[in-house]
Protein backbone atom coordinates (compact mmCIF):
# COMPACT_ATOMS: atom_id res chain seq x y z
CA MET A 1 137.29 133.69 138.77
CA SER A 2 134.37 134.38 141.19
CA ASP A 3 133.61 137.52 139.52
CA VAL A 4 133.64 136.12 136.07
CA THR A 5 131.23 133.52 137.38
CA SER A 6 129.14 135.98 139.04
CA ALA A 7 129.29 138.08 136.17
CA LEU A 8 128.01 135.08 133.89
CA ASP A 9 125.24 134.44 136.43
CA ALA A 10 124.10 137.26 136.33
CA ALA A 11 123.62 137.92 132.55
CA GLU A 12 121.89 134.76 132.18
CA GLN A 13 119.51 135.67 134.66
CA THR A 14 119.02 138.86 132.89
CA GLN A 15 118.58 137.12 129.67
CA ALA A 16 115.77 134.28 131.61
CA GLU A 17 113.94 137.97 132.39
CA ALA A 18 114.18 139.67 129.19
CA THR A 19 112.45 136.49 128.11
CA PRO A 20 108.60 137.23 129.00
CA PRO A 21 106.81 134.79 129.96
CA ARG A 22 103.94 135.27 126.78
CA ARG A 23 106.96 134.82 124.18
CA ARG A 24 107.33 131.41 126.20
CA THR A 25 103.69 130.54 126.26
CA VAL A 26 103.34 131.38 122.26
CA TRP A 27 106.32 129.12 121.64
CA LEU A 28 104.79 126.53 124.11
CA VAL A 29 101.67 126.51 121.28
CA VAL A 30 103.48 126.61 118.72
CA VAL A 31 105.23 123.33 119.60
CA VAL A 32 102.05 121.75 120.93
CA GLY A 33 100.62 122.51 117.54
CA LEU A 34 103.16 120.78 115.09
CA ILE A 35 102.58 117.90 117.52
CA LEU A 36 99.22 117.77 117.46
CA ALA A 37 98.81 118.51 113.22
CA PHE A 38 102.04 115.32 112.44
CA MET A 39 99.40 112.78 114.65
CA ALA A 40 96.70 113.99 112.97
CA VAL A 41 98.73 113.20 109.48
CA LEU A 42 99.62 110.03 110.43
CA ALA A 43 96.13 108.80 111.68
CA PHE A 44 94.66 109.81 108.25
CA GLY A 45 97.42 107.61 106.74
CA LEU A 46 96.67 104.88 109.20
CA ARG A 47 92.64 105.14 107.98
CA PRO A 48 91.35 101.79 105.98
CA LYS A 49 92.81 102.05 101.96
CA THR A 50 90.33 99.04 101.28
CA SER A 51 87.92 99.30 98.60
CA THR A 52 85.06 98.21 101.84
CA VAL A 53 85.21 102.23 103.28
CA LEU A 54 83.46 102.62 100.32
CA GLN A 55 80.10 100.76 101.35
CA GLY A 56 76.85 102.93 101.69
CA GLU A 57 79.06 105.75 99.64
CA PRO A 58 77.99 107.59 96.41
CA ALA A 59 80.00 105.87 93.41
CA PRO A 60 82.89 107.00 92.35
CA ASN A 61 82.06 107.73 88.54
CA PHE A 62 83.88 106.06 86.03
CA GLU A 63 84.58 105.88 82.26
CA LEU A 64 85.00 102.64 80.09
CA ILE A 65 85.17 101.97 76.71
CA ALA A 66 84.58 98.41 75.87
CA PHE A 67 85.89 96.11 73.91
CA ASN A 68 84.05 92.94 73.74
CA GLY A 69 81.21 91.86 71.72
CA GLU A 70 78.57 93.89 70.71
CA PHE A 71 79.51 96.37 72.83
CA ASP A 72 82.84 96.29 71.34
CA GLY A 73 83.65 100.64 71.03
CA GLN A 74 81.21 101.63 73.04
CA ARG A 75 81.36 104.17 76.19
CA PHE A 76 80.02 103.47 79.55
CA SER A 77 80.03 106.18 82.42
CA LEU A 78 78.47 105.45 85.95
CA GLU A 79 76.33 108.44 85.45
CA ASP A 80 74.88 107.10 82.13
CA MET A 81 73.64 104.27 83.99
CA ARG A 82 71.81 106.21 87.09
CA GLY A 83 68.68 104.63 87.59
CA GLN A 84 69.61 101.18 86.88
CA VAL A 85 71.44 98.49 89.13
CA VAL A 86 75.36 98.06 88.51
CA VAL A 87 77.20 95.14 89.35
CA LEU A 88 81.25 96.63 88.84
CA ASN A 89 83.55 93.70 88.50
CA PHE A 90 87.50 93.80 88.64
CA TRP A 91 89.15 90.88 87.00
CA ALA A 92 92.36 89.62 85.17
CA SER A 93 93.09 86.81 82.58
CA TRP A 94 96.01 86.53 84.85
CA CYS A 95 93.60 86.34 87.70
CA VAL A 96 93.10 82.53 88.87
CA GLU A 97 90.34 83.31 91.47
CA CYS A 98 88.16 85.19 88.70
CA GLU A 99 88.00 81.73 87.19
CA LYS A 100 85.94 80.76 89.57
CA GLU A 101 82.98 83.64 89.26
CA ALA A 102 83.66 84.22 85.57
CA ALA A 103 80.65 81.76 84.34
CA LEU A 104 78.40 83.00 87.43
CA LEU A 105 78.43 86.37 86.57
CA GLU A 106 77.92 85.60 82.85
CA GLN A 107 75.08 83.79 83.68
CA ALA A 108 73.15 86.07 86.04
CA TRP A 109 73.72 88.95 83.42
CA ARG A 110 71.35 86.50 81.04
CA ASP A 111 69.09 86.07 84.12
CA TYR A 112 68.85 89.95 85.18
CA ARG A 113 69.54 92.42 82.28
CA ASP A 114 66.23 92.55 81.30
CA GLN A 115 65.39 93.59 84.70
CA GLY A 116 67.09 97.06 84.25
CA VAL A 117 70.97 95.39 85.45
CA TRP A 118 74.05 96.53 84.15
CA PHE A 119 77.49 94.16 84.98
CA ILE A 120 80.34 96.10 83.53
CA GLY A 121 84.04 94.32 83.44
CA VAL A 122 87.29 96.29 84.41
CA ASP A 123 89.99 94.65 83.00
CA TYR A 124 92.79 95.10 85.23
CA LEU A 125 96.75 95.31 84.41
CA ASP A 126 96.27 93.26 81.47
CA ILE A 127 97.41 92.94 77.71
CA ASP A 128 94.33 93.47 75.84
CA SER A 129 94.27 90.20 73.83
CA GLU A 130 95.08 87.88 76.98
CA GLY A 131 91.62 90.04 77.71
CA LEU A 132 89.61 89.18 75.01
CA ALA A 133 90.95 85.29 75.14
CA TYR A 134 89.97 85.30 78.74
CA LEU A 135 86.39 86.68 77.97
CA GLU A 136 86.03 84.54 74.56
CA ARG A 137 86.77 81.42 77.01
CA PHE A 138 83.84 82.17 79.11
CA ASP A 139 81.30 83.16 76.51
CA ILE A 140 81.30 86.78 78.73
CA THR A 141 79.09 88.53 76.74
CA TYR A 142 78.12 91.83 79.29
CA PRO A 143 80.48 95.03 78.79
CA ASN A 144 84.30 94.73 79.77
CA GLY A 145 87.07 97.39 78.71
CA PRO A 146 90.70 97.81 79.66
CA ASP A 147 90.99 99.78 82.88
CA THR A 148 93.40 102.75 81.16
CA GLY A 149 96.09 103.81 83.86
CA SER A 150 93.99 101.99 86.42
CA ARG A 151 92.24 104.84 87.16
CA ILE A 152 88.87 103.18 87.97
CA PHE A 153 90.77 100.72 90.64
CA GLN A 154 92.39 103.23 92.38
CA ASP A 155 89.12 105.51 92.14
CA TYR A 156 87.52 102.69 93.96
CA ARG A 157 90.27 101.83 96.18
CA CYS A 158 90.80 98.44 95.02
CA THR A 159 93.54 96.14 96.88
CA GLY A 160 93.65 93.27 93.85
CA VAL A 161 91.08 91.29 91.68
CA PRO A 162 88.39 90.18 91.73
CA GLU A 163 86.43 92.65 93.85
CA THR A 164 82.81 93.31 92.67
CA PHE A 165 80.85 96.88 93.67
CA PHE A 166 77.02 96.77 93.65
CA ILE A 167 75.46 100.32 93.21
CA ASP A 168 72.29 100.76 93.60
CA LYS A 169 69.90 102.85 91.12
CA ASP A 170 70.75 106.20 93.42
CA GLY A 171 74.46 105.55 92.28
CA ILE A 172 75.17 104.03 96.41
CA ILE A 173 77.75 101.37 96.87
CA GLN A 174 75.68 98.85 98.71
CA HIS A 175 78.09 95.94 98.95
CA VAL A 176 81.68 95.63 98.52
CA GLN A 177 82.72 92.04 97.63
CA ILE A 178 86.91 91.10 97.60
CA GLY A 179 86.78 87.67 96.40
CA PRO A 180 84.76 85.39 94.24
CA LEU A 181 81.26 85.37 94.45
CA THR A 182 78.86 82.18 95.25
CA GLN A 183 75.62 82.08 93.32
CA SER A 184 73.40 82.13 96.10
CA GLN A 185 75.33 85.65 97.27
CA LEU A 186 75.31 87.29 93.62
CA TYR A 187 71.49 86.29 93.03
CA GLY A 188 70.03 87.13 97.06
CA LEU A 189 72.06 90.90 96.09
CA LEU A 190 70.71 91.21 93.00
CA ASP A 191 67.12 90.79 94.13
CA ARG A 192 67.34 92.68 96.97
CA LEU A 193 68.46 96.07 95.35
CA LEU A 194 65.68 95.59 92.42
CA ALA A 195 63.14 95.23 96.05
CA ASP A 196 64.55 97.96 98.07
CA GLY A 197 63.78 100.10 94.29
CA GLY A 198 67.65 100.47 94.50
CA SER A 199 68.03 101.60 97.62
C-alpha cells in the first residue's frame, strides 16, 4: 500500500514540476484580465443613462415630420437649424405633467420666434389623433410630430415626459430639463442662450 502511495506522490510531484512557472503566470494573467474586463463591462452598464449626461455635449441629430398647423408635412432636422437656438420638448397627450407647461411653451414660441429660436415638439408613444387633439386644445402652433419608433426619445436618453433640451446655435445641449418648466426658468434660459450667441 505504501508503495502505491509513494508512486502516486511521485507522479503528482513530477506533474507539478512539468508545469513550468511561466505557464502558471500566463493563466493567472488571463484570469485576472477576464475579471477586470467583466468589472469594466459592469461599470459601463452602471453609468447614468438619463438625458442629463448629454448636457454640454453635441445634440444628436434628429429628423421629424411635423403634423400640425402651418408646418404639417414639413421635415425638420437639427442640422438644418444650425445657427438657431432650438428648444426640443418631449411630450404626450396622456402626460398630465406636460399640460402644466403646454401653454407656456406656446407663449414662449410666439415671444421668441422672431429672435431665431425654434421650438420643436416630439410626441412620444401617442396616437396621432390624440396628439393632434392635445395640440388643438392648447392652441400649440410650433412644429410638432410623432417620434416614429421612439428613435429620437432613445437618442436623447429620455426617461419620461416632459423633458426639454435647450440646444445652442452651435448644436450643443446647454440645459436639460426633466419635468415641467416655469416661466422664469424658460425665459431666463432663452435670454442667456441668445445673449451668449448660443454658446
